[in-house]
Protein backbone atom coordinates (compact mmCIF):
# COMPACT_ATOMS: atom_id res chain seq x y z
CA MET A 1 8.10 -93.37 95.00
CA ILE A 2 5.67 -91.10 93.49
CA ILE A 3 2.17 -90.53 95.27
CA LYS A 4 -0.80 -89.80 93.07
CA TYR A 5 -3.90 -88.20 94.62
CA PRO A 6 -7.43 -89.08 93.26
CA THR A 7 -8.24 -86.62 90.56
CA CYS A 8 -11.83 -85.43 89.72
CA GLY A 9 -11.53 -85.28 86.01
CA HIS A 10 -11.40 -81.75 85.54
CA ALA A 11 -8.56 -80.85 83.15
CA GLY A 12 -5.14 -80.10 84.69
CA CYS A 13 -6.45 -81.47 88.12
CA THR A 14 -3.37 -82.48 90.28
CA GLY A 15 -5.61 -84.36 92.76
CA HIS A 16 -7.48 -84.02 95.90
CA VAL A 17 -6.47 -84.82 99.55
CA GLY A 18 -8.10 -82.80 102.29
CA LYS A 19 -11.38 -80.79 102.34
CA PHE A 20 -12.39 -81.01 98.77
CA SER A 21 -13.31 -83.97 96.61
CA SER A 22 -13.24 -82.18 93.22
CA CYS A 23 -12.09 -78.85 91.54
CA LEU A 24 -15.80 -77.84 91.27
CA ASP A 25 -16.34 -78.26 95.24
CA GLU A 26 -13.26 -75.83 95.56
CA VAL A 27 -14.29 -73.33 93.21
CA LEU A 28 -17.88 -73.16 94.50
CA TRP A 29 -16.70 -73.00 98.24
CA GLU A 30 -14.27 -70.28 97.45
CA SER A 31 -17.19 -68.28 95.73
CA THR A 32 -19.34 -68.58 98.97
CA LEU A 33 -16.48 -66.93 101.02
CA ASP A 34 -16.85 -63.70 98.58
CA GLY A 35 -20.46 -63.49 99.55
CA ALA A 36 -22.17 -65.02 96.59
CA ASP A 37 -25.98 -65.13 97.34
CA GLU A 38 -27.07 -65.83 100.99
CA THR A 39 -25.38 -67.73 103.71
CA PHE A 40 -26.95 -69.24 106.78
CA GLY A 41 -25.98 -71.68 109.49
CA ASP A 42 -23.90 -71.98 112.55
CA THR A 43 -20.08 -72.07 111.99
CA ASP A 44 -19.35 -73.28 115.62
CA TRP A 45 -21.16 -76.47 115.87
CA HIS A 46 -23.24 -77.52 112.68
CA GLY A 47 -20.85 -76.01 110.18
CA HIS A 48 -21.55 -73.55 107.47
CA TYR A 49 -24.16 -73.83 104.70
CA ALA A 50 -24.38 -71.53 101.64
CA MET A 51 -26.92 -71.61 98.84
CA LEU A 52 -25.29 -70.44 95.66
CA TYR A 53 -27.04 -69.73 92.20
CA VAL A 54 -24.77 -69.90 89.31
CA GLY A 55 -26.09 -68.36 86.05
CA ASP A 56 -25.13 -69.06 82.58
CA ASP A 57 -22.86 -65.96 82.33
CA PRO A 58 -19.70 -67.29 80.37
CA SER A 59 -17.49 -64.82 82.10
CA TRP A 60 -17.91 -66.42 85.43
CA VAL A 61 -14.92 -68.75 85.66
CA ALA A 62 -12.60 -69.53 88.33
CA THR A 63 -9.10 -71.59 88.62
CA PRO A 64 -8.97 -73.84 91.58
CA GLU A 65 -5.59 -74.18 93.41
CA SER A 66 -5.58 -77.73 92.44
CA SER A 67 -5.54 -77.07 88.67
CA GLU A 68 -4.04 -74.82 86.24
CA THR A 69 -7.16 -74.81 84.06
CA PRO A 70 -10.12 -72.45 84.58
CA LEU A 71 -13.30 -74.05 85.43
CA LYS A 72 -16.93 -72.82 84.51
CA PRO A 73 -19.48 -74.45 86.99
CA PRO A 74 -22.58 -75.70 85.31
CA PRO A 75 -25.52 -73.49 85.78
CA GLY A 76 -27.91 -74.16 88.68
CA VAL A 77 -28.57 -73.91 92.28
CA TYR A 78 -25.88 -75.50 94.77
CA VAL A 79 -25.81 -75.87 98.44
CA VAL A 80 -22.39 -75.92 99.92
CA PHE A 81 -21.82 -77.33 103.36
CA THR A 82 -18.72 -76.89 105.41
CA ALA A 83 -18.37 -79.18 108.39
CA PRO A 84 -16.85 -78.17 111.61
CA SER A 85 -13.95 -80.53 110.66
CA GLY A 86 -13.31 -78.38 107.61
CA TRP A 87 -14.56 -80.99 105.05
CA VAL A 88 -16.58 -79.52 102.17
CA SER A 89 -19.56 -81.13 100.20
CA VAL A 90 -21.63 -79.76 97.37
CA ASP A 91 -24.99 -80.68 96.38
CA HIS A 92 -26.39 -79.63 92.95
CA LEU A 93 -30.13 -79.13 93.32
CA GLY A 94 -30.80 -78.46 89.54
CA ASN A 95 -31.77 -75.38 87.73
CA GLN A 96 -33.37 -72.17 89.49
CA PRO A 97 -36.73 -72.57 88.13
CA GLY A 98 -37.04 -76.27 89.04
CA VAL A 99 -35.82 -75.71 92.43
CA MET A 100 -38.34 -72.87 93.01
CA ALA A 101 -41.15 -75.05 91.50
CA ASP A 102 -40.12 -77.86 93.87
CA TYR A 103 -40.10 -75.53 96.77
CA GLU A 104 -43.67 -74.07 95.96
CA ALA A 105 -45.05 -77.58 95.34
CA ARG A 106 -43.72 -78.85 98.85
CA TYR A 107 -44.76 -75.79 100.83
CA ALA A 108 -47.71 -74.62 99.10
CA ASP A 109 -50.24 -75.90 101.69
CA ILE A 110 -48.22 -74.47 104.51
CA ARG A 111 -47.90 -71.06 102.85
CA LYS A 112 -51.74 -71.03 102.31
CA ALA A 113 -52.42 -71.93 105.90
CA TYR A 114 -50.04 -69.14 107.03
CA GLU A 115 -51.61 -66.72 104.64
CA ALA A 116 -55.26 -67.48 105.93
CA TRP A 117 -53.96 -67.18 109.55
CA SER A 118 -52.33 -63.98 109.01
CA ALA A 119 -55.39 -62.41 107.22
CA GLU A 120 -57.62 -63.59 110.09
CA GLU A 121 -55.22 -62.00 112.62
CA ASP A 122 -54.77 -58.80 110.72
CA TYR A 123 -50.91 -59.21 110.27
């Protein structure tokens, strides 16, 4: 009997069982181990978070272990989470200007209040 693992649709994908649900998740997770952008979090209890910006540089490709075909991640901002159990999940937040505009819109009032307080206190 041959067991077929679920595939993600990436060309050459041999299937996923374990910590990754797609070849893209695997490639992005591996790139966070190489120090891509900034990482933050607590790997002992809450897992490990990494924010990763992928540009449109055509030379940035990687081949996941679960495939023989190189993969070029779509440009944008990703958050990669590694749970204490080892499971990896990836969220694509959008393109960098869009993410930064959303951040500015959400936190503009807080930033203005901090700047006013800071100016008052001479910090």
